[in-house]
Amino acid sequence: MLTSSRYLMNGSPRCCMFCGEPFRPRDGYVEVWRTSAGQHFCSEFCADDAEEAQFRKRRAAPPTAAEYVAGSTHI
């Protein structure tokens, strides 16, 4: 989702949550990509890369003890 707003200059984050670059002004507004989770990014590419990094982090996490117990019942 693309958001352009003057409000972002006054009270919201000023830098991309993924790459750290400041948001770019365009026609008197600040151009920002905001996810449904409320995170702000400088472009759709950073938003996609952050989502992919989060997905990989979740996949790499070791299974919880509850998953081991549930998995052991299927012999």
N, C-alpha and C. Protein backbone atom coordinates (compact mmCIF):
# COMPACT_ATOMS: atom_id res chain seq x y z
N MET A 1 0.85 -1.17 0.00
CA MET A 1 0.00 0.00 0.00
C MET A 1 0.89 1.23 0.00
N LEU A 2 0.66 2.14 -0.89
CA LEU A 2 1.41 3.39 -0.98
C LEU A 2 0.66 4.48 -0.25
N THR A 3 1.39 5.20 0.58
CA THR A 3 0.79 6.31 1.31
C THR A 3 1.62 7.55 1.05
N SER A 4 0.98 8.63 0.70
CA SER A 4 1.64 9.92 0.57
C SER A 4 0.97 10.87 1.54
N SER A 5 1.76 11.52 2.38
CA SER A 5 1.14 12.35 3.39
C SER A 5 2.09 13.40 3.92
N ARG A 6 1.58 14.58 4.21
CA ARG A 6 2.37 15.61 4.89
C ARG A 6 2.45 15.30 6.37
N TYR A 7 1.47 14.58 6.88
CA TYR A 7 1.44 14.21 8.29
C TYR A 7 2.68 13.42 8.68
N LEU A 8 3.16 12.57 7.77
CA LEU A 8 4.31 11.74 8.08
C LEU A 8 5.54 12.57 8.41
N MET A 9 5.63 13.78 7.88
CA MET A 9 6.79 14.63 8.16
C MET A 9 6.77 15.12 9.60
N ASN A 10 5.60 15.22 10.21
CA ASN A 10 5.50 15.80 11.53
C ASN A 10 5.54 14.80 12.68
N GLY A 11 4.95 13.62 12.53
CA GLY A 11 4.83 12.76 13.69
C GLY A 11 5.17 11.29 13.50
N SER A 12 5.37 10.84 12.31
CA SER A 12 5.61 9.42 12.06
C SER A 12 7.08 9.16 11.80
N PRO A 13 7.45 7.88 11.61
CA PRO A 13 8.85 7.56 11.30
C PRO A 13 9.32 8.31 10.07
N ARG A 14 10.59 8.62 10.04
CA ARG A 14 11.16 9.35 8.91
C ARG A 14 12.08 8.51 8.05
N CYS A 15 12.36 7.27 8.51
CA CYS A 15 13.27 6.39 7.78
C CYS A 15 12.64 5.03 7.55
N CYS A 16 13.09 4.38 6.51
CA CYS A 16 12.63 3.04 6.16
C CYS A 16 13.01 2.05 7.26
N MET A 17 12.07 1.19 7.62
CA MET A 17 12.33 0.20 8.67
C MET A 17 13.26 -0.91 8.19
N PHE A 18 13.47 -1.05 6.88
CA PHE A 18 14.33 -2.12 6.37
C PHE A 18 15.73 -1.62 6.05
N CYS A 19 15.85 -0.58 5.25
CA CYS A 19 17.17 -0.12 4.82
C CYS A 19 17.67 1.10 5.59
N GLY A 20 16.78 1.80 6.30
CA GLY A 20 17.19 2.95 7.09
C GLY A 20 17.29 4.26 6.32
N GLU A 21 17.00 4.23 5.03
CA GLU A 21 17.04 5.45 4.22
C GLU A 21 15.88 6.37 4.57
N PRO A 22 16.10 7.70 4.53
CA PRO A 22 14.98 8.61 4.78
C PRO A 22 13.95 8.53 3.65
N PHE A 23 12.70 8.78 4.00
CA PHE A 23 11.64 8.77 2.99
C PHE A 23 11.83 9.92 2.02
N ARG A 24 11.45 9.70 0.77
CA ARG A 24 11.65 10.69 -0.28
C ARG A 24 10.45 11.61 -0.43
N PRO A 25 10.71 12.91 -0.52
CA PRO A 25 9.60 13.83 -0.81
C PRO A 25 9.24 13.76 -2.29
N ARG A 26 7.96 13.95 -2.57
CA ARG A 26 7.50 13.94 -3.96
C ARG A 26 6.30 14.88 -4.05
N ASP A 27 6.42 15.92 -4.81
CA ASP A 27 5.35 16.91 -5.03
C ASP A 27 4.83 17.49 -3.73
N GLY A 28 5.72 17.76 -2.79
CA GLY A 28 5.32 18.36 -1.53
C GLY A 28 4.83 17.38 -0.47
N TYR A 29 4.83 16.10 -0.80
CA TYR A 29 4.42 15.06 0.13
C TYR A 29 5.56 14.08 0.34
N VAL A 30 5.47 13.31 1.39
CA VAL A 30 6.45 12.25 1.63
C VAL A 30 5.85 10.95 1.14
N GLU A 31 6.59 10.24 0.30
CA GLU A 31 6.09 8.98 -0.26
C GLU A 31 6.54 7.83 0.64
N VAL A 32 5.58 7.06 1.13
CA VAL A 32 5.85 5.99 2.08
C VAL A 32 5.01 4.76 1.73
N TRP A 33 5.59 3.60 1.90
CA TRP A 33 4.85 2.35 1.77
C TRP A 33 4.59 1.85 3.18
N ARG A 34 3.32 1.63 3.52
CA ARG A 34 2.95 1.19 4.86
C ARG A 34 2.26 -0.16 4.78
N THR A 35 2.69 -1.10 5.61
CA THR A 35 2.08 -2.42 5.63
C THR A 35 0.86 -2.42 6.53
N SER A 36 0.10 -3.49 6.47
CA SER A 36 -1.08 -3.60 7.34
C SER A 36 -0.68 -3.68 8.81
N ALA A 37 0.57 -4.06 9.09
CA ALA A 37 1.07 -4.13 10.46
C ALA A 37 1.53 -2.76 10.96
N GLY A 38 1.50 -1.74 10.08
CA GLY A 38 1.86 -0.39 10.48
C GLY A 38 3.32 -0.04 10.29
N GLN A 39 4.09 -0.89 9.65
CA GLN A 39 5.49 -0.60 9.39
C GLN A 39 5.62 0.27 8.15
N HIS A 40 6.60 1.18 8.16
CA HIS A 40 6.79 2.12 7.06
C HIS A 40 8.09 1.80 6.31
N PHE A 41 8.00 1.81 4.97
CA PHE A 41 9.13 1.50 4.11
C PHE A 41 9.27 2.56 3.02
N CYS A 42 10.48 2.70 2.48
CA CYS A 42 10.72 3.71 1.45
C CYS A 42 10.25 3.27 0.07
N SER A 43 10.08 1.97 -0.14
CA SER A 43 9.63 1.47 -1.44
C SER A 43 8.96 0.12 -1.29
N GLU A 44 8.31 -0.31 -2.33
CA GLU A 44 7.69 -1.63 -2.32
C GLU A 44 8.74 -2.73 -2.25
N PHE A 45 9.95 -2.44 -2.73
CA PHE A 45 11.03 -3.43 -2.70
C PHE A 45 11.49 -3.70 -1.27
N CYS A 46 11.66 -2.63 -0.49
CA CYS A 46 12.04 -2.80 0.91
C CYS A 46 10.93 -3.50 1.69
N ALA A 47 9.69 -3.17 1.40
CA ALA A 47 8.57 -3.83 2.08
C ALA A 47 8.57 -5.33 1.77
N ASP A 48 8.79 -5.69 0.51
CA ASP A 48 8.84 -7.10 0.12
C ASP A 48 10.04 -7.81 0.75
N ASP A 49 11.21 -7.14 0.75
CA ASP A 49 12.41 -7.73 1.32
C ASP A 49 12.26 -7.95 2.83
N ALA A 50 11.63 -7.01 3.51
CA ALA A 50 11.42 -7.16 4.95
C ALA A 50 10.47 -8.32 5.23
N GLU A 51 9.43 -8.46 4.41
CA GLU A 51 8.49 -9.56 4.57
C GLU A 51 9.18 -10.90 4.33
N GLU A 52 10.03 -10.96 3.31
CA GLU A 52 10.77 -12.19 3.01
C GLU A 52 11.74 -12.53 4.13
N ALA A 53 12.43 -11.55 4.68
CA ALA A 53 13.35 -11.78 5.79
C ALA A 53 12.61 -12.30 7.02
N GLN A 54 11.44 -11.75 7.29
CA GLN A 54 10.63 -12.20 8.42
C GLN A 54 10.17 -13.64 8.20
N PHE A 55 9.78 -13.97 6.98
CA PHE A 55 9.35 -15.33 6.65
C PHE A 55 10.49 -16.32 6.85
N ARG A 56 11.68 -15.96 6.37
CA ARG A 56 12.84 -16.84 6.52
C ARG A 56 13.21 -17.03 7.99
N LYS A 57 13.08 -15.97 8.77
CA LYS A 57 13.39 -16.04 10.20
C LYS A 57 12.42 -17.01 10.89
N ARG A 58 11.14 -16.94 10.54
CA ARG A 58 10.16 -17.85 11.15
C ARG A 58 10.41 -19.29 10.74
N ARG A 59 10.80 -19.51 9.49
CA ARG A 59 11.06 -20.87 9.01
C ARG A 59 12.31 -21.46 9.64
N ALA A 60 13.29 -20.63 9.97
CA ALA A 60 14.55 -21.10 10.54
C ALA A 60 14.46 -21.33 12.04
N ALA A 61 13.42 -20.84 12.68
CA ALA A 61 13.27 -21.00 14.12
C ALA A 61 13.06 -22.48 14.45
N PRO A 62 13.71 -22.95 15.53
CA PRO A 62 13.52 -24.36 15.91
C PRO A 62 12.09 -24.61 16.36
N PRO A 63 11.57 -25.81 16.15
CA PRO A 63 10.20 -26.12 16.57
C PRO A 63 10.07 -26.04 18.09
N THR A 64 8.90 -25.70 18.54
CA THR A 64 8.65 -25.60 19.98
C THR A 64 8.44 -26.99 20.57
N ALA A 65 8.48 -27.09 21.89
CA ALA A 65 8.29 -28.37 22.58
C ALA A 65 6.92 -28.94 22.29
N ALA A 66 5.91 -28.09 22.14
CA ALA A 66 4.56 -28.57 21.84
C ALA A 66 4.51 -29.28 20.48
N GLU A 67 5.30 -28.81 19.53
CA GLU A 67 5.33 -29.46 18.22
C GLU A 67 5.98 -30.83 18.31
N TYR A 68 7.00 -30.99 19.19
CA TYR A 68 7.61 -32.29 19.37
C TYR A 68 6.62 -33.27 19.98
N VAL A 69 5.85 -32.83 20.96
CA VAL A 69 4.88 -33.68 21.62
C VAL A 69 3.79 -34.08 20.63
N ALA A 70 3.28 -33.12 19.86
CA ALA A 70 2.23 -33.41 18.90
C ALA A 70 2.75 -34.35 17.80
N GLY A 71 3.99 -34.16 17.40
CA GLY A 71 4.57 -34.99 16.36
C GLY A 71 4.84 -36.41 16.82
N SER A 72 5.07 -36.62 18.12
CA SER A 72 5.39 -37.95 18.62
C SER A 72 4.17 -38.86 18.65
N THR A 73 2.97 -38.32 18.59
CA THR A 73 1.77 -39.15 18.63
C THR A 73 1.51 -39.83 17.29
N HIS A 74 2.17 -39.38 16.23
CA HIS A 74 2.00 -39.97 14.90
C HIS A 74 3.13 -40.96 14.65
N ILE A 75 2.93 -42.19 15.00
CA ILE A 75 3.99 -43.19 14.84
C ILE A 75 3.74 -44.04 13.62
